[in-house]
Amino acid sequence: MTAVVRILLRRIALLVPLMLGVVLFVFLVMRFSDVDPASAFFQGANPTPQQLHDFRERGGLLDPLPVRYVHFVGDVLHGNLGTSALTRAPVADQVTTALPLTLQLTFLGLGIAVVLALAGGVTAAVHRDRLPDQVIRVVSLVGVAAPGFWLALLMIQYLAVDRGWFPTGGYINPADSVTGWLRTMALPAFALSLPVAAQLTRIVRTSVVEELDKDYVRTAIGSGLPPLVVVGRNVLRNALVNPLTVLGLRVGYLLGGAVVIETIFSLPGMGKLMIDAVQNGDPAVVQGVVLTTATGFVVVNLVIDILYLLVNPRLRAA
């Protein structure tokens, strides 16, 4: 247990330089962009050069770049992500309002992807080279090739417009109606999750097939243990190591894909917030959304590393 705690502490300690690197990357990208925060703040007001200069001086925009970075890190640590040039409201408030919906969409999509991948991958592996395996492999190949936004448009057309089973967009808070929330989130979550589920299905199938060919599986089945018990208790746990690694990488796809999916379904999450900020020339909001999303990606990958450690005893022994 001491070794496990030591490894976990080392992983957590690596978050500090990693997060500083993320903050530095976001800071540099925004500072070297063509968008001028002063001009964005006064957009449509025809400010004088003196007003622009005073704004830049008050905001520290005239300081050397290293000084501005230190101030930026200090503001981020205190939860200050700047002020929206469009609404004059703190960016942190807007992010706090939009983030829960994006998290709901991302983790709902992640859950759907994991369930579909485990069901499809294990079924294909158990029925290797037979009809169920061939069907699942073809479907997963199509799913990998199909982009999420295309699936979203198809779902809206055939399931929302033509049949009226789901709304075409909008959002209902689960506190108001759980059923309404599920209906508004079902299509976005499936559109977001299906490409990830297709890729994970192929990886789960390959991992389970490799485990089924090992001697301990034949020995366990030969000793009289039911195959379902062997697969569920031993094979699946050992086969989850590789899919977990890929899952951590695909979380970034889910977070990034939420930008497009939320826009298509008119969901007021982080993606729509960033798209609106880009269209309206609001650099502080874009910066806040990108920084929050990058931080979420880093934290989720830390959780995946911990799960990877728990399911892989060889890593703990090493």
Protein backbone atom coordinates (compact mmCIF):
# COMPACT_ATOMS: atom_id res chain seq x y z
CA MET A 1 0.00 0.00 0.00
CA THR A 2 2.93 2.31 0.71
CA ALA A 3 4.16 1.87 -2.86
CA VAL A 4 0.71 2.69 -4.25
CA VAL A 5 0.45 5.86 -2.14
CA ARG A 6 3.94 6.88 -3.24
CA ILE A 7 3.04 6.46 -6.90
CA LEU A 8 -0.19 8.43 -6.44
CA LEU A 9 1.63 11.27 -4.68
CA ARG A 10 4.17 11.38 -7.48
CA ARG A 11 1.38 11.59 -10.07
CA ILE A 12 -0.31 14.39 -8.14
CA ALA A 13 3.00 16.26 -7.74
CA LEU A 14 3.45 16.22 -11.51
CA LEU A 15 0.22 18.20 -11.80
CA VAL A 16 1.91 21.39 -10.56
CA PRO A 17 4.40 21.85 -13.45
CA LEU A 18 1.86 20.46 -15.89
CA MET A 19 -0.78 22.99 -14.88
CA LEU A 20 1.77 25.82 -15.00
CA GLY A 21 2.59 24.69 -18.53
CA VAL A 22 -1.10 24.67 -19.47
CA VAL A 23 -1.55 28.19 -18.07
CA LEU A 24 1.58 29.36 -19.92
CA PHE A 25 0.35 27.87 -23.19
CA VAL A 26 -3.08 29.51 -22.92
CA PHE A 27 -1.45 32.80 -21.89
CA LEU A 28 0.94 32.86 -24.85
CA VAL A 29 -1.69 31.80 -27.40
CA MET A 30 -4.03 34.59 -26.31
CA ARG A 31 -1.27 37.22 -26.07
CA PHE A 32 0.03 36.52 -29.56
CA SER A 33 -3.43 36.48 -31.15
CA ASP A 34 -4.67 39.35 -33.29
CA VAL A 35 -7.43 40.22 -30.80
CA ASP A 36 -6.70 43.37 -28.79
CA PRO A 37 -8.36 43.22 -25.33
CA ALA A 38 -8.63 47.02 -25.21
CA SER A 39 -10.34 47.26 -28.60
CA ALA A 40 -12.62 44.36 -27.66
CA PHE A 41 -13.61 46.10 -24.44
CA PHE A 42 -14.53 49.32 -26.26
CA GLN A 43 -16.05 47.64 -29.32
CA GLY A 44 -18.68 49.84 -30.92
CA ALA A 45 -17.83 52.83 -28.69
CA ASN A 46 -15.17 54.55 -30.88
CA PRO A 47 -12.65 55.09 -28.04
CA THR A 48 -9.90 57.68 -28.27
CA PRO A 49 -6.24 56.61 -28.29
CA GLN A 50 -5.90 57.98 -24.75
CA GLN A 51 -8.79 55.81 -23.53
CA LEU A 52 -7.19 52.74 -25.11
CA HIS A 53 -3.85 53.60 -23.51
CA ASP A 54 -5.43 54.15 -20.08
CA PHE A 55 -7.25 50.81 -20.31
CA ARG A 56 -4.05 48.96 -21.24
CA GLU A 57 -2.18 50.67 -18.40
CA ARG A 58 -4.84 49.83 -15.81
CA GLY A 59 -5.01 46.22 -16.99
CA GLY A 60 -1.23 45.76 -16.99
CA LEU A 61 -1.18 45.20 -20.75
CA LEU A 62 1.85 47.46 -21.10
CA ASP A 63 3.97 45.47 -18.63
CA PRO A 64 6.69 43.07 -19.86
CA LEU A 65 5.42 39.63 -20.84
CA PRO A 66 6.97 37.75 -17.85
CA VAL A 67 5.38 40.22 -15.42
CA ARG A 68 2.02 39.82 -17.12
CA TYR A 69 2.34 36.02 -16.89
CA VAL A 70 3.04 36.16 -13.15
CA HIS A 71 0.01 38.41 -12.65
CA PHE A 72 -2.07 36.09 -14.81
CA VAL A 73 -1.08 33.02 -12.74
CA GLY A 74 -1.92 34.92 -9.56
CA ASP A 75 -5.34 35.88 -10.91
CA VAL A 76 -6.06 32.29 -11.97
CA LEU A 77 -5.08 30.97 -8.53
CA HIS A 78 -7.56 33.40 -6.99
CA GLY A 79 -10.30 32.35 -9.41
CA ASN A 80 -10.13 35.57 -11.43
CA LEU A 81 -10.41 34.77 -15.14
CA GLY A 82 -10.96 38.37 -16.23
CA THR A 83 -14.00 40.34 -17.29
CA SER A 84 -16.13 39.77 -20.35
CA ALA A 85 -15.80 42.59 -22.88
CA LEU A 86 -19.38 42.00 -24.05
CA THR A 87 -21.35 41.62 -20.81
CA ARG A 88 -18.90 43.30 -18.38
CA ALA A 89 -19.51 40.30 -16.08
CA PRO A 90 -16.74 38.21 -14.50
CA VAL A 91 -15.70 35.36 -16.79
CA ALA A 92 -15.57 33.02 -13.79
CA ASP A 93 -19.30 33.51 -13.25
CA GLN A 94 -20.08 32.67 -16.87
CA VAL A 95 -17.84 29.59 -16.75
CA THR A 96 -19.42 28.45 -13.48
CA THR A 97 -22.85 28.70 -15.09
CA ALA A 98 -21.90 26.86 -18.30
CA LEU A 99 -19.54 24.22 -16.89
CA PRO A 100 -22.14 21.95 -15.19
CA LEU A 101 -23.97 21.34 -18.46
CA THR A 102 -20.75 20.49 -20.30
CA LEU A 103 -19.77 18.10 -17.51
CA GLN A 104 -23.20 16.48 -17.69
CA LEU A 105 -22.89 16.03 -21.44
CA THR A 106 -19.29 14.80 -21.30
CA PHE A 107 -19.75 12.23 -18.55
CA LEU A 108 -23.10 11.07 -19.89
CA GLY A 109 -21.43 10.53 -23.25
CA LEU A 110 -18.48 8.85 -21.54
CA GLY A 111 -20.80 6.49 -19.68
CA ILE A 112 -22.66 5.57 -22.87
CA ALA A 113 -19.37 5.00 -24.70
CA VAL A 114 -18.00 2.71 -21.97
CA VAL A 115 -21.20 0.63 -21.73
CA LEU A 116 -21.46 0.20 -25.52
CA ALA A 117 -17.74 -0.58 -25.84
CA LEU A 118 -17.75 -3.21 -23.10
CA ALA A 119 -20.92 -4.87 -24.39
CA GLY A 120 -19.83 -4.82 -28.02
CA GLY A 121 -16.16 -5.64 -27.44
CA VAL A 122 -16.75 -8.57 -25.10
CA THR A 123 -19.53 -9.99 -27.30
CA ALA A 124 -17.33 -9.77 -30.38
CA ALA A 125 -14.40 -11.41 -28.60
CA VAL A 126 -16.46 -14.28 -27.16
CA HIS A 127 -18.00 -14.95 -30.61
CA ARG A 128 -14.72 -14.43 -32.43
CA ASP A 129 -14.87 -14.79 -36.24
CA ARG A 130 -18.57 -15.62 -36.13
CA LEU A 131 -21.55 -13.57 -37.24
CA PRO A 132 -21.89 -11.37 -34.08
CA ASP A 133 -18.19 -10.54 -34.24
CA GLN A 134 -18.33 -9.65 -37.93
CA VAL A 135 -21.41 -7.44 -37.48
CA ILE A 136 -19.90 -5.59 -34.50
CA ARG A 137 -16.61 -5.05 -36.33
CA VAL A 138 -18.36 -3.56 -39.35
CA VAL A 139 -20.57 -1.32 -37.20
CA SER A 140 -17.60 -0.14 -35.13
CA LEU A 141 -15.62 0.62 -38.29
CA VAL A 142 -18.48 2.78 -39.57
CA GLY A 143 -18.71 4.46 -36.17
CA VAL A 144 -15.01 5.33 -36.16
CA ALA A 145 -15.33 6.93 -39.61
CA ALA A 146 -18.52 8.88 -38.82
CA PRO A 147 -17.91 12.36 -37.34
CA GLY A 148 -19.98 13.40 -34.35
CA PHE A 149 -21.55 16.46 -35.98
CA TRP A 150 -22.79 14.35 -38.91
CA LEU A 151 -24.38 11.86 -36.52
CA ALA A 152 -25.95 14.76 -34.63
CA LEU A 153 -27.55 16.15 -37.78
CA LEU A 154 -28.87 12.72 -38.77
CA MET A 155 -30.36 12.18 -35.33
CA ILE A 156 -32.04 15.57 -35.37
CA GLN A 157 -33.54 14.88 -38.79
CA TYR A 158 -34.78 11.31 -38.26
CA LEU A 159 -35.46 11.13 -34.52
CA ALA A 160 -36.46 14.71 -33.69
CA VAL A 161 -37.91 16.33 -36.83
CA ASP A 162 -39.44 13.31 -38.62
CA ARG A 163 -40.65 11.30 -35.60
CA GLY A 164 -40.71 13.85 -32.81
CA TRP A 165 -39.30 11.43 -30.23
CA PHE A 166 -36.79 13.99 -28.97
CA PRO A 167 -36.56 17.80 -29.04
CA THR A 168 -34.34 19.34 -31.71
CA GLY A 169 -32.46 21.37 -29.10
CA GLY A 170 -32.61 23.28 -25.87
CA TYR A 171 -31.96 22.24 -22.30
CA ILE A 172 -34.08 21.37 -19.28
CA ASN A 173 -32.47 21.40 -15.84
CA PRO A 174 -32.71 18.01 -14.08
CA ALA A 175 -33.91 19.84 -10.95
CA ASP A 176 -37.00 20.87 -12.92
CA SER A 177 -37.66 17.59 -14.72
CA VAL A 178 -35.48 14.48 -14.85
CA THR A 179 -37.47 13.12 -17.79
CA GLY A 180 -37.14 16.39 -19.67
CA TRP A 181 -33.42 16.48 -18.94
CA LEU A 182 -32.97 12.96 -20.32
CA ARG A 183 -34.91 13.82 -23.48
CA THR A 184 -32.85 16.95 -24.13
CA MET A 185 -29.52 15.25 -23.37
CA ALA A 186 -30.10 11.88 -25.08
CA LEU A 187 -29.34 12.87 -28.68
CA PRO A 188 -26.33 15.11 -27.84
CA ALA A 189 -24.83 12.43 -25.58
CA PHE A 190 -25.24 9.67 -28.18
CA ALA A 191 -23.89 11.85 -30.98
CA LEU A 192 -20.87 12.68 -28.84
CA SER A 193 -20.26 9.15 -27.59
CA LEU A 194 -20.75 6.91 -30.63
CA PRO A 195 -17.37 7.61 -32.34
CA VAL A 196 -15.59 7.02 -29.02
CA ALA A 197 -17.64 3.88 -28.34
CA ALA A 198 -16.77 2.52 -31.78
CA GLN A 199 -13.05 2.98 -31.25
CA LEU A 200 -13.13 1.56 -27.73
CA THR A 201 -15.14 -1.45 -28.94
CA ARG A 202 -12.35 -2.46 -31.30
CA ILE A 203 -9.72 -2.04 -28.57
CA VAL A 204 -11.77 -3.97 -25.98
CA ARG A 205 -12.31 -6.78 -28.49
CA THR A 206 -8.58 -7.05 -29.23
CA SER A 207 -7.65 -7.00 -25.53
CA VAL A 208 -10.25 -9.62 -24.57
CA VAL A 209 -9.22 -11.88 -27.47
CA GLU A 210 -5.60 -11.75 -26.30
CA GLU A 211 -6.65 -12.67 -22.76
CA LEU A 212 -8.92 -15.51 -23.91
CA ASP A 213 -5.96 -17.14 -25.68
CA LYS A 214 -3.89 -17.32 -22.47
CA ASP A 215 -3.30 -20.54 -20.57
CA TYR A 216 -4.97 -19.46 -17.32
CA VAL A 217 -8.30 -19.02 -19.10
CA ARG A 218 -8.22 -22.51 -20.59
CA THR A 219 -7.18 -23.91 -17.21
CA ALA A 220 -9.99 -22.11 -15.38
CA ILE A 221 -12.63 -23.24 -17.88
CA GLY A 222 -11.21 -26.76 -17.93
CA SER A 223 -11.46 -26.95 -14.13
CA GLY A 224 -15.22 -26.42 -14.37
CA LEU A 225 -15.64 -22.69 -13.84
CA PRO A 226 -18.45 -21.21 -15.98
CA PRO A 227 -17.03 -19.21 -18.93
CA LEU A 228 -19.16 -16.21 -17.96
CA VAL A 229 -17.54 -16.13 -14.50
CA VAL A 230 -14.03 -16.44 -15.96
CA VAL A 231 -14.64 -13.62 -18.43
CA GLY A 232 -16.30 -11.32 -15.91
CA ARG A 233 -13.95 -11.92 -12.98
CA ASN A 234 -10.54 -12.42 -14.61
CA VAL A 235 -10.44 -11.77 -18.33
CA LEU A 236 -12.25 -8.46 -18.34
CA ARG A 237 -10.20 -6.96 -15.52
CA ASN A 238 -6.90 -7.89 -17.16
CA ALA A 239 -8.15 -6.71 -20.55
CA LEU A 240 -9.13 -3.25 -19.30
CA VAL A 241 -5.55 -1.95 -19.11
CA ASN A 242 -5.20 -0.93 -22.76
CA PRO A 243 -8.75 0.45 -23.14
CA LEU A 244 -8.24 2.64 -20.04
CA THR A 245 -5.18 4.22 -21.63
CA VAL A 246 -7.10 5.05 -24.79
CA LEU A 247 -10.09 6.23 -22.76
CA GLY A 248 -7.96 8.89 -21.10
CA LEU A 249 -6.95 10.23 -24.49
CA ARG A 250 -10.51 10.17 -25.81
CA VAL A 251 -11.78 12.30 -22.94
CA GLY A 252 -10.10 15.19 -24.74
CA TYR A 253 -12.16 14.34 -27.82
CA LEU A 254 -15.34 14.36 -25.74
CA LEU A 255 -14.52 17.76 -24.25
CA GLY A 256 -13.58 19.18 -27.64
CA GLY A 257 -16.53 17.55 -29.39
CA ALA A 258 -18.87 19.13 -26.88
CA VAL A 259 -18.08 22.50 -28.48
CA VAL A 260 -19.69 21.44 -31.76
CA ILE A 261 -22.45 19.30 -30.26
CA GLU A 262 -23.59 22.03 -27.87
CA THR A 263 -23.76 24.50 -30.74
CA ILE A 264 -25.81 22.12 -32.90
CA PHE A 265 -28.29 21.36 -30.11
CA SER A 266 -28.32 24.93 -28.68
CA LEU A 267 -27.10 23.76 -25.28
CA PRO A 268 -25.85 26.63 -23.07
CA GLY A 269 -22.60 24.93 -22.09
CA MET A 270 -18.91 25.73 -22.39
CA GLY A 271 -18.81 25.00 -26.10
CA LYS A 272 -21.58 27.41 -27.00
CA LEU A 273 -20.09 29.98 -24.62
CA MET A 274 -16.76 29.81 -26.44
CA ILE A 275 -18.31 29.89 -29.92
CA ASP A 276 -20.33 32.98 -28.99
CA ALA A 277 -17.23 34.59 -27.50
CA VAL A 278 -15.21 33.95 -30.67
CA GLN A 279 -17.97 35.34 -32.87
CA ASN A 280 -18.40 38.42 -30.67
CA GLY A 281 -14.69 39.07 -30.19
CA ASP A 282 -14.57 38.45 -26.44
CA PRO A 283 -10.99 37.23 -25.72
CA ALA A 284 -11.33 37.00 -21.94
CA VAL A 285 -14.18 34.50 -22.22
CA VAL A 286 -12.33 32.44 -24.85
CA GLN A 287 -9.28 32.38 -22.58
CA GLY A 288 -11.33 31.34 -19.55
CA VAL A 289 -13.13 28.54 -21.40
CA VAL A 290 -9.94 27.14 -22.95
CA LEU A 291 -8.11 27.24 -19.62
CA THR A 292 -10.98 25.53 -17.79
CA THR A 293 -11.31 22.85 -20.46
CA ALA A 294 -7.56 22.16 -20.47
CA THR A 295 -7.58 21.90 -16.68
CA GLY A 296 -10.47 19.45 -16.82
CA PHE A 297 -8.61 17.33 -19.36
CA VAL A 298 -5.53 17.18 -17.10
CA VAL A 299 -7.58 16.25 -14.02
CA VAL A 300 -9.53 13.54 -15.86
CA ASN A 301 -6.29 12.01 -17.13
CA LEU A 302 -5.02 11.94 -13.54
CA VAL A 303 -8.13 9.96 -12.58
CA ILE A 304 -7.51 7.60 -15.52
CA ASP A 305 -3.90 7.13 -14.33
CA ILE A 306 -5.19 6.18 -10.88
CA LEU A 307 -7.67 3.69 -12.37
CA TYR A 308 -4.88 2.32 -14.58
CA LEU A 309 -2.80 1.79 -11.46
CA LEU A 310 -5.64 0.01 -9.67
CA VAL A 311 -6.37 -2.47 -12.47
CA ASN A 312 -2.73 -3.15 -13.36
CA PRO A 313 -0.96 -5.02 -10.53
CA ARG A 314 2.23 -5.32 -12.59
CA LEU A 315 2.58 -1.53 -12.60
CA ARG A 316 2.16 -1.42 -8.83
CA ALA A 317 4.78 -4.16 -8.43
CA ALA A 318 7.20 -2.26 -10.66
